[in-house]
Amino acid sequence: MLVTRAVQQAGKLSDGLKALGAVPVEVPVLEIRPPESFEPLDTALGKLDRFDWLILTSVNTVQTVAARCTMLGLDVSEIKLLRVAAVGSATSEAARKAGFRVTVVPDSYNSEGVVAALGTSVAGKRVLLARAVVARDVIPDALAKVGAEMTVVEAYQTVLPEGSRELLAEALKTGLDAATFTSSSSVRNLVEVAREAETAFPFSNVPAVSIGPVTSATLREFGWEPAGEALASDIPGLIAAVVQVLAP
């Protein structure tokens, strides 16, 4: 079972697959690194009490924002009027542990879900969006259209880790029963790793299982029709989709 998550994030998925008797084969195609500069993020966080909303798009974002707040001597729990939207249950849990008062968790764990959940409630409000360097502009574009004053800052970036090419070659040589994808970035980066390994993409006779519709759309862009898609866009949902795809 191919697991493409970053090394520091693969554990929950791999452990869940092991619990079902599957053998996870970790080929990390993402490495989380700081942005080129923390200055824009730090500047925005220094004025956090002036924002009405903070949107946290991932656990990676939460961890970075919380760490920078600590470095800046900010206690986010003291910012009483700040409302926080967190994309997904894992993100909201991490945000609450970091001291943020999460007020909105969209039903759909993606950018479209955030837009639907916030709607026109952000009209005339100052909104801080912290996200990856490479990200879709669905949230800032849609919220700006309803009148939100958007500030978008980069919290982290993802790059290809060293050694992925060799790990992928070995995994394909051993054989895979399925490949799991937790983000569009994992799809695009695996395409690049396969190219470097001189391996055809998509992989022949290997079903792809996606964490949600956005990731599925990216798989289709590269000619790989997902065999399964999680009903809930989180790790338990992805594991459930794997079970359904591989069920006899």
Protein backbone atom coordinates (compact mmCIF):
# COMPACT_ATOMS: atom_id res chain seq x y z
CA MET A 1 0.00 0.00 0.00
CA LEU A 2 1.72 3.16 -1.20
CA VAL A 3 1.75 6.05 1.32
CA THR A 4 2.95 9.33 -0.18
CA ARG A 5 2.63 11.66 2.83
CA ALA A 6 5.52 13.61 4.29
CA VAL A 7 7.66 11.66 6.74
CA GLN A 8 6.40 13.59 9.76
CA GLN A 9 2.76 13.01 8.75
CA ALA A 10 2.72 9.43 7.48
CA GLY A 11 2.33 7.78 10.87
CA LYS A 12 -1.43 8.11 11.33
CA LEU A 13 -2.20 6.72 7.88
CA SER A 14 0.42 3.97 8.05
CA ASP A 15 -0.69 2.92 11.55
CA GLY A 16 -4.31 2.80 10.42
CA LEU A 17 -3.43 0.60 7.47
CA LYS A 18 -1.32 -1.70 9.66
CA ALA A 19 -4.26 -2.11 12.02
CA LEU A 20 -6.22 -3.53 9.11
CA GLY A 21 -3.47 -5.97 8.21
CA ALA A 22 -2.13 -3.95 5.28
CA VAL A 23 1.55 -3.29 4.69
CA PRO A 24 2.18 0.45 4.18
CA VAL A 25 5.03 1.28 1.81
CA GLU A 26 6.12 4.83 2.61
CA VAL A 27 7.47 6.82 -0.32
CA PRO A 28 7.32 10.41 0.91
CA VAL A 29 6.96 12.83 -2.00
CA LEU A 30 6.50 15.89 0.19
CA GLU A 31 8.88 17.55 2.60
CA ILE A 32 7.61 20.41 4.72
CA ARG A 33 9.97 23.37 4.83
CA PRO A 34 9.72 26.99 5.99
CA PRO A 35 8.80 29.63 3.40
CA GLU A 36 11.57 31.72 1.89
CA SER A 37 10.86 34.32 4.55
CA PHE A 38 8.74 34.43 7.70
CA GLU A 39 8.56 38.22 7.59
CA PRO A 40 5.08 38.52 5.97
CA LEU A 41 3.64 35.94 8.38
CA ASP A 42 5.27 37.51 11.42
CA THR A 43 4.10 40.99 10.38
CA ALA A 44 0.51 39.75 10.07
CA LEU A 45 0.64 37.85 13.36
CA GLY A 46 1.98 40.94 15.09
CA LYS A 47 -1.34 42.58 14.17
CA LEU A 48 -3.50 39.52 14.82
CA ASP A 49 -5.76 41.38 17.23
CA ARG A 50 -6.79 43.63 14.34
CA PHE A 51 -8.21 40.77 12.30
CA ASP A 52 -11.78 39.51 12.58
CA TRP A 53 -11.06 36.07 11.13
CA LEU A 54 -8.11 33.69 10.87
CA ILE A 55 -8.34 30.79 8.42
CA LEU A 56 -6.10 27.80 9.09
CA THR A 57 -5.94 25.40 6.15
CA SER A 58 -3.93 22.46 7.56
CA VAL A 59 -2.16 21.03 10.58
CA ASN A 60 1.10 22.25 9.03
CA THR A 61 -0.30 25.77 9.03
CA VAL A 62 -1.41 25.51 12.65
CA GLN A 63 1.99 24.26 13.80
CA THR A 64 3.83 27.04 12.00
CA VAL A 65 1.47 29.80 13.10
CA ALA A 66 1.55 28.58 16.71
CA ALA A 67 5.36 28.40 16.69
CA ARG A 68 5.70 31.90 15.26
CA CYS A 69 3.21 33.27 17.80
CA THR A 70 5.30 31.74 20.59
CA MET A 71 8.45 33.25 19.14
CA LEU A 72 6.74 36.64 18.95
CA GLY A 73 5.46 36.35 22.51
CA LEU A 74 1.79 36.26 21.47
CA ASP A 75 -0.85 34.45 23.51
CA VAL A 76 -3.61 33.72 20.99
CA SER A 77 -6.06 32.72 23.73
CA GLU A 78 -6.10 36.37 24.86
CA ILE A 79 -7.41 37.60 21.50
CA LYS A 80 -11.08 37.44 22.44
CA LEU A 81 -12.69 38.78 19.26
CA LEU A 82 -10.72 36.69 16.75
CA ARG A 83 -12.82 34.04 15.05
CA VAL A 84 -11.04 31.02 13.60
CA ALA A 85 -12.04 28.73 10.73
CA ALA A 86 -10.12 25.44 10.52
CA VAL A 87 -10.21 23.14 7.50
CA GLY A 88 -10.87 19.64 8.80
CA SER A 89 -11.16 17.87 12.14
CA ALA A 90 -7.40 17.30 12.51
CA THR A 91 -6.70 20.97 11.83
CA SER A 92 -9.35 22.14 14.27
CA GLU A 93 -8.04 19.78 16.96
CA ALA A 94 -4.49 21.03 16.48
CA ALA A 95 -5.70 24.64 16.53
CA ARG A 96 -7.61 24.18 19.79
CA LYS A 97 -4.58 22.53 21.41
CA ALA A 98 -2.55 25.57 20.33
CA GLY A 99 -4.99 27.87 22.10
CA PHE A 100 -7.11 29.09 19.20
CA ARG A 101 -10.87 29.42 19.64
CA VAL A 102 -12.14 27.55 16.58
CA THR A 103 -15.62 28.73 15.67
CA VAL A 104 -16.08 27.22 12.20
CA VAL A 105 -15.17 23.79 10.80
CA PRO A 106 -16.63 23.38 7.30
CA ASP A 107 -18.64 20.27 6.48
CA SER A 108 -16.42 19.76 3.43
CA TYR A 109 -12.73 19.70 4.30
CA ASN A 110 -11.50 21.80 1.39
CA SER A 111 -11.38 25.38 0.16
CA GLU A 112 -14.88 25.23 -1.27
CA GLY A 113 -16.15 24.12 2.14
CA VAL A 114 -14.57 27.16 3.79
CA VAL A 115 -16.20 29.49 1.28
CA ALA A 116 -19.60 27.85 1.79
CA ALA A 117 -19.29 27.94 5.59
CA LEU A 118 -18.25 31.58 5.82
CA GLY A 119 -20.42 32.92 3.02
CA THR A 120 -21.24 36.59 3.39
CA SER A 121 -20.47 36.62 7.14
CA VAL A 122 -17.00 37.96 6.28
CA ALA A 123 -18.27 40.92 4.29
CA GLY A 124 -16.47 44.02 5.51
CA LYS A 125 -14.28 41.90 7.82
CA ARG A 126 -10.50 41.64 7.95
CA VAL A 127 -9.51 38.05 7.18
CA LEU A 128 -6.05 36.51 7.56
CA LEU A 129 -5.44 33.37 5.51
CA ALA A 130 -2.31 31.37 6.34
CA ARG A 131 -1.47 28.62 3.87
CA ALA A 132 1.18 26.80 1.83
CA VAL A 133 3.32 28.64 -0.71
CA VAL A 134 1.61 26.76 -3.55
CA ALA A 135 -2.15 26.73 -3.04
CA ARG A 136 -5.36 27.29 -4.95
CA ASP A 137 -6.86 30.79 -4.79
CA VAL A 138 -10.42 29.60 -4.21
CA ILE A 139 -10.67 31.04 -0.69
CA PRO A 140 -9.13 34.51 -1.18
CA ASP A 141 -10.86 35.07 -4.52
CA ALA A 142 -14.31 34.01 -3.33
CA LEU A 143 -14.18 35.85 0.00
CA ALA A 144 -12.83 39.01 -1.59
CA LYS A 145 -15.83 38.96 -3.93
CA VAL A 146 -18.23 39.09 -0.99
CA GLY A 147 -16.39 42.04 0.50
CA ALA A 148 -13.79 40.54 2.83
CA GLU A 149 -10.50 42.40 3.26
CA MET A 150 -8.08 39.56 2.63
CA THR A 151 -4.49 39.20 3.81
CA VAL A 152 -2.79 36.05 2.50
CA VAL A 153 0.51 34.88 3.99
CA GLU A 154 2.71 31.85 3.42
CA ALA A 155 3.29 29.56 6.40
CA TYR A 156 5.27 26.76 4.77
CA GLN A 157 6.25 25.20 1.47
CA THR A 158 6.45 21.62 0.21
CA VAL A 159 9.41 20.29 -1.78
CA LEU A 160 10.50 16.92 -3.12
CA PRO A 161 12.53 15.05 -0.50
CA GLU A 162 15.78 13.36 -1.41
CA GLY A 163 15.69 9.61 -1.98
CA SER A 164 12.09 9.42 -3.18
CA ARG A 165 13.11 8.19 -6.63
CA GLU A 166 14.96 5.19 -5.21
CA LEU A 167 12.17 4.40 -2.75
CA LEU A 168 9.56 4.51 -5.51
CA ALA A 169 11.59 2.24 -7.79
CA GLU A 170 11.92 -0.31 -4.98
CA ALA A 171 8.22 -0.09 -4.11
CA LEU A 172 7.15 -0.73 -7.70
CA LYS A 173 9.62 -3.58 -7.99
CA THR A 174 8.15 -5.22 -4.88
CA GLY A 175 4.58 -4.58 -6.02
CA LEU A 176 1.71 -2.41 -4.84
CA ASP A 177 -1.95 -3.24 -4.25
CA ALA A 178 -3.04 0.41 -4.12
CA ALA A 179 -1.73 3.96 -3.87
CA THR A 180 -3.12 6.53 -1.44
CA PHE A 181 -3.16 10.29 -2.00
CA THR A 182 -3.87 12.90 0.66
CA SER A 183 -3.53 16.08 -1.42
CA SER A 184 -3.10 17.44 -4.92
CA SER A 185 0.52 18.18 -4.04
CA SER A 186 1.13 14.50 -3.34
CA VAL A 187 -0.17 13.69 -6.82
CA ARG A 188 1.90 16.31 -8.61
CA ASN A 189 5.05 15.47 -6.70
CA LEU A 190 4.64 11.74 -7.33
CA VAL A 191 4.37 12.52 -11.03
CA GLU A 192 7.72 14.29 -10.79
CA VAL A 193 9.30 11.44 -8.82
CA ALA A 194 8.03 8.92 -11.39
CA ARG A 195 9.50 11.03 -14.17
CA GLU A 196 12.87 11.10 -12.43
CA ALA A 197 12.67 7.34 -11.91
CA GLU A 198 11.80 6.92 -15.60
CA THR A 199 8.56 5.18 -14.61
CA ALA A 200 5.30 5.52 -16.49
CA PHE A 201 2.53 7.41 -14.67
CA PRO A 202 -0.09 6.31 -13.73
CA PHE A 203 1.20 2.99 -12.46
CA SER A 204 -0.17 0.00 -14.32
CA ASN A 205 -2.73 -2.12 -12.43
CA VAL A 206 -2.41 -0.07 -9.23
CA PRO A 207 -5.72 1.45 -8.03
CA ALA A 208 -5.53 5.01 -6.71
CA VAL A 209 -7.46 6.01 -3.59
CA SER A 210 -8.06 9.72 -2.99
CA ILE A 211 -8.82 11.67 0.17
CA GLY A 212 -11.37 13.90 -1.57
CA PRO A 213 -12.76 15.47 -4.75
CA VAL A 214 -10.00 18.04 -5.23
CA THR A 215 -7.29 15.37 -5.05
CA SER A 216 -9.37 13.14 -7.33
CA ALA A 217 -9.60 15.93 -9.90
CA THR A 218 -5.81 16.28 -9.85
CA LEU A 219 -5.40 12.53 -10.36
CA ARG A 220 -7.68 12.76 -13.38
CA GLU A 221 -5.59 15.62 -14.77
CA PHE A 222 -2.74 13.13 -14.98
CA GLY A 223 -4.83 10.33 -16.43
CA TRP A 224 -5.41 8.30 -13.28
CA GLU A 225 -9.09 7.67 -12.53
CA PRO A 226 -9.45 7.09 -8.77
CA ALA A 227 -10.75 3.68 -7.82
CA GLY A 228 -12.00 5.12 -4.55
CA GLU A 229 -12.58 8.45 -2.83
CA ALA A 230 -13.02 9.15 0.87
CA LEU A 231 -16.51 10.25 1.89
CA ALA A 232 -14.98 12.35 4.66
CA SER A 233 -11.80 14.11 3.57
CA ASP A 234 -9.62 12.93 6.44
CA ILE A 235 -7.35 9.99 7.25
CA PRO A 236 -10.09 7.73 8.70
CA GLY A 237 -12.17 8.45 5.60
CA LEU A 238 -9.24 7.58 3.33
CA ILE A 239 -8.63 4.32 5.18
CA ALA A 240 -12.30 3.43 4.83
CA ALA A 241 -12.08 4.11 1.09
CA VAL A 242 -9.03 1.82 0.85
CA VAL A 243 -10.99 -0.95 2.57
CA GLN A 244 -13.83 -0.55 0.11
CA VAL A 245 -11.54 -0.61 -2.91
CA LEU A 246 -9.67 -3.73 -1.77
CA ALA A 247 -12.67 -5.60 -0.40
CA PRO A 248 -13.01 -9.04 -2.05
